[in-house]
Amino acid sequence: MNFIIAIISAILAGWIASLLFRSIKLELGPVVYFFLGLIGGIFTGLIVKIFKIPFINGYLGDFILDVTGAIILLFIFSLIPKKEQTEEE
């Protein structure tokens, strides 16, 4: 049951992060939302553990970390310059 809750949490976290970070105009699917939330949660979870930052335990704390990490990943992604498409005739 915890595995299913973690998957749903990661998908929701990625989706919420994409809604909050609208400067990247992408249409992402549930799989991308899942990986965005999952990788973001792992990233922020490691930061919290490494620096021993006290944080909320349980599903709510994990969800907040997932959303925060996904927002950070979207921010980093927005800093990457995009290639301009050129038309070849």
C-alpha atoms as a PDB file:
ATOM      1  CA  MET A   1       0.000   0.000   0.000  1.00  0.00           C
ATOM      2  CA  ASN A   2       2.870   2.391   0.788  1.00  0.00           C
ATOM      3  CA  PHE A   3       4.258   1.821  -2.705  1.00  0.00           C
ATOM      4  CA  ILE A   4       0.981   2.850  -4.334  1.00  0.00           C
ATOM      5  CA  ILE A   5       0.754   5.951  -2.134  1.00  0.00           C
ATOM      6  CA  ALA A   6       4.354   6.865  -3.048  1.00  0.00           C
ATOM      7  CA  ILE A   7       3.584   6.562  -6.770  1.00  0.00           C
ATOM      8  CA  ILE A   8       0.439   8.680  -6.500  1.00  0.00           C
ATOM      9  CA  SER A   9       2.315  11.217  -4.372  1.00  0.00           C
ATOM     10  CA  ALA A  10       5.127  11.498  -6.930  1.00  0.00           C
ATOM     11  CA  ILE A  11       2.690  11.974  -9.819  1.00  0.00           C
ATOM     12  CA  LEU A  12       0.722  14.629  -7.934  1.00  0.00           C
ATOM     13  CA  ALA A  13       3.928  16.385  -6.863  1.00  0.00           C
ATOM     14  CA  GLY A  14       5.213  16.583 -10.433  1.00  0.00           C
ATOM     15  CA  TRP A  15       1.848  17.836 -11.673  1.00  0.00           C
ATOM     16  CA  ILE A  16       1.547  20.500  -8.949  1.00  0.00           C
ATOM     17  CA  ALA A  17       5.130  21.636  -9.570  1.00  0.00           C
ATOM     18  CA  SER A  18       4.410  22.015 -13.272  1.00  0.00           C
ATOM     19  CA  LEU A  19       1.309  24.086 -12.444  1.00  0.00           C
ATOM     20  CA  LEU A  20       3.281  26.312 -10.056  1.00  0.00           C
ATOM     21  CA  PHE A  21       6.175  26.744 -12.455  1.00  0.00           C
ATOM     22  CA  ARG A  22       4.373  27.943 -15.566  1.00  0.00           C
ATOM     23  CA  SER A  23       7.366  29.611 -17.265  1.00  0.00           C
ATOM     24  CA  ILE A  24       8.203  26.296 -18.906  1.00  0.00           C
ATOM     25  CA  LYS A  25       5.449  25.773 -21.441  1.00  0.00           C
ATOM     26  CA  LEU A  26       5.466  22.008 -21.731  1.00  0.00           C
ATOM     27  CA  GLU A  27       2.669  19.535 -21.790  1.00  0.00           C
ATOM     28  CA  LEU A  28       3.882  16.711 -19.627  1.00  0.00           C
ATOM     29  CA  GLY A  29       2.282  13.324 -19.208  1.00  0.00           C
ATOM     30  CA  PRO A  30       1.770  11.270 -16.053  1.00  0.00           C
ATOM     31  CA  VAL A  31       5.017   9.358 -16.588  1.00  0.00           C
ATOM     32  CA  VAL A  32       7.026  12.594 -16.700  1.00  0.00           C
ATOM     33  CA  TYR A  33       5.142  13.895 -13.644  1.00  0.00           C
ATOM     34  CA  PHE A  34       6.026  10.672 -11.826  1.00  0.00           C
ATOM     35  CA  PHE A  35       9.735  10.939 -12.595  1.00  0.00           C
ATOM     36  CA  LEU A  36       9.750  14.657 -11.861  1.00  0.00           C
ATOM     37  CA  GLY A  37       8.201  14.073  -8.429  1.00  0.00           C
ATOM     38  CA  LEU A  38      10.305  10.990  -7.737  1.00  0.00           C
ATOM     39  CA  ILE A  39      13.664  12.513  -8.651  1.00  0.00           C
ATOM     40  CA  GLY A  40      12.724  15.776  -6.929  1.00  0.00           C
ATOM     41  CA  GLY A  41      11.768  13.898  -3.769  1.00  0.00           C
ATOM     42  CA  ILE A  42      14.996  11.919  -3.762  1.00  0.00           C
ATOM     43  CA  PHE A  43      17.015  15.094  -4.334  1.00  0.00           C
ATOM     44  CA  THR A  44      15.388  17.094  -1.533  1.00  0.00           C
ATOM     45  CA  GLY A  45      15.281  14.053   0.750  1.00  0.00           C
ATOM     46  CA  LEU A  46      19.045  13.694   0.437  1.00  0.00           C
ATOM     47  CA  ILE A  47      19.569  17.384   1.134  1.00  0.00           C
ATOM     48  CA  VAL A  48      17.404  17.167   4.264  1.00  0.00           C
ATOM     49  CA  LYS A  49      19.312  14.098   5.507  1.00  0.00           C
ATOM     50  CA  ILE A  50      22.794  15.379   4.645  1.00  0.00           C
ATOM     51  CA  PHE A  51      22.296  18.713   6.394  1.00  0.00           C
ATOM     52  CA  LYS A  52      20.160  17.145   9.173  1.00  0.00           C
ATOM     53  CA  ILE A  53      17.334  19.617   8.617  1.00  0.00           C
ATOM     54  CA  PRO A  54      14.364  18.854  10.862  1.00  0.00           C
ATOM     55  CA  PHE A  55      11.281  18.275   8.734  1.00  0.00           C
ATOM     56  CA  ILE A  56       7.782  16.844   8.919  1.00  0.00           C
ATOM     57  CA  ASN A  57       7.702  13.042   8.950  1.00  0.00           C
ATOM     58  CA  GLY A  58       5.123  10.942   7.174  1.00  0.00           C
ATOM     59  CA  TYR A  59       3.216  11.254   3.933  1.00  0.00           C
ATOM     60  CA  LEU A  60       2.700  15.005   4.206  1.00  0.00           C
ATOM     61  CA  GLY A  61       6.412  15.681   4.701  1.00  0.00           C
ATOM     62  CA  ASP A  62       7.333  13.384   1.813  1.00  0.00           C
ATOM     63  CA  PHE A  63       4.784  15.080  -0.422  1.00  0.00           C
ATOM     64  CA  ILE A  64       6.102  18.556   0.434  1.00  0.00           C
ATOM     65  CA  LEU A  65       9.657  17.395  -0.301  1.00  0.00           C
ATOM     66  CA  ASP A  66       8.520  15.865  -3.608  1.00  0.00           C
ATOM     67  CA  VAL A  67       6.854  19.097  -4.725  1.00  0.00           C
ATOM     68  CA  THR A  68       9.803  21.224  -3.609  1.00  0.00           C
ATOM     69  CA  GLY A  69      12.282  18.995  -5.411  1.00  0.00           C
ATOM     70  CA  ALA A  70      10.185  18.951  -8.576  1.00  0.00           C
ATOM     71  CA  ILE A  71      10.042  22.758  -8.560  1.00  0.00           C
ATOM     72  CA  ILE A  72      13.812  22.908  -8.149  1.00  0.00           C
ATOM     73  CA  LEU A  73      14.259  20.491 -11.069  1.00  0.00           C
ATOM     74  CA  LEU A  74      11.944  22.559 -13.253  1.00  0.00           C
ATOM     75  CA  PHE A  75      13.901  25.677 -12.325  1.00  0.00           C
ATOM     76  CA  ILE A  76      17.179  24.016 -13.263  1.00  0.00           C
ATOM     77  CA  PHE A  77      15.600  22.794 -16.504  1.00  0.00           C
ATOM     78  CA  SER A  78      14.472  26.335 -17.321  1.00  0.00           C
ATOM     79  CA  LEU A  79      18.074  27.568 -17.087  1.00  0.00           C
ATOM     80  CA  ILE A  80      19.184  25.261 -19.894  1.00  0.00           C
ATOM     81  CA  PRO A  81      19.247  27.222 -23.152  1.00  0.00           C
ATOM     82  CA  LYS A  82      16.865  25.913 -25.752  1.00  0.00           C
ATOM     83  CA  LYS A  83      17.984  25.247 -29.304  1.00  0.00           C
ATOM     84  CA  GLU A  84      16.225  27.344 -31.861  1.00  0.00           C
ATOM     85  CA  GLN A  85      14.678  25.454 -34.720  1.00  0.00           C
ATOM     86  CA  THR A  86      15.851  26.598 -38.098  1.00  0.00           C
ATOM     87  CA  GLU A  87      13.911  26.031 -41.267  1.00  0.00           C
ATOM     88  CA  GLU A  88      15.877  24.441 -44.054  1.00  0.00           C
ATOM     89  CA  GLU A  89      14.613  25.143 -47.518  1.00  0.00           C
END
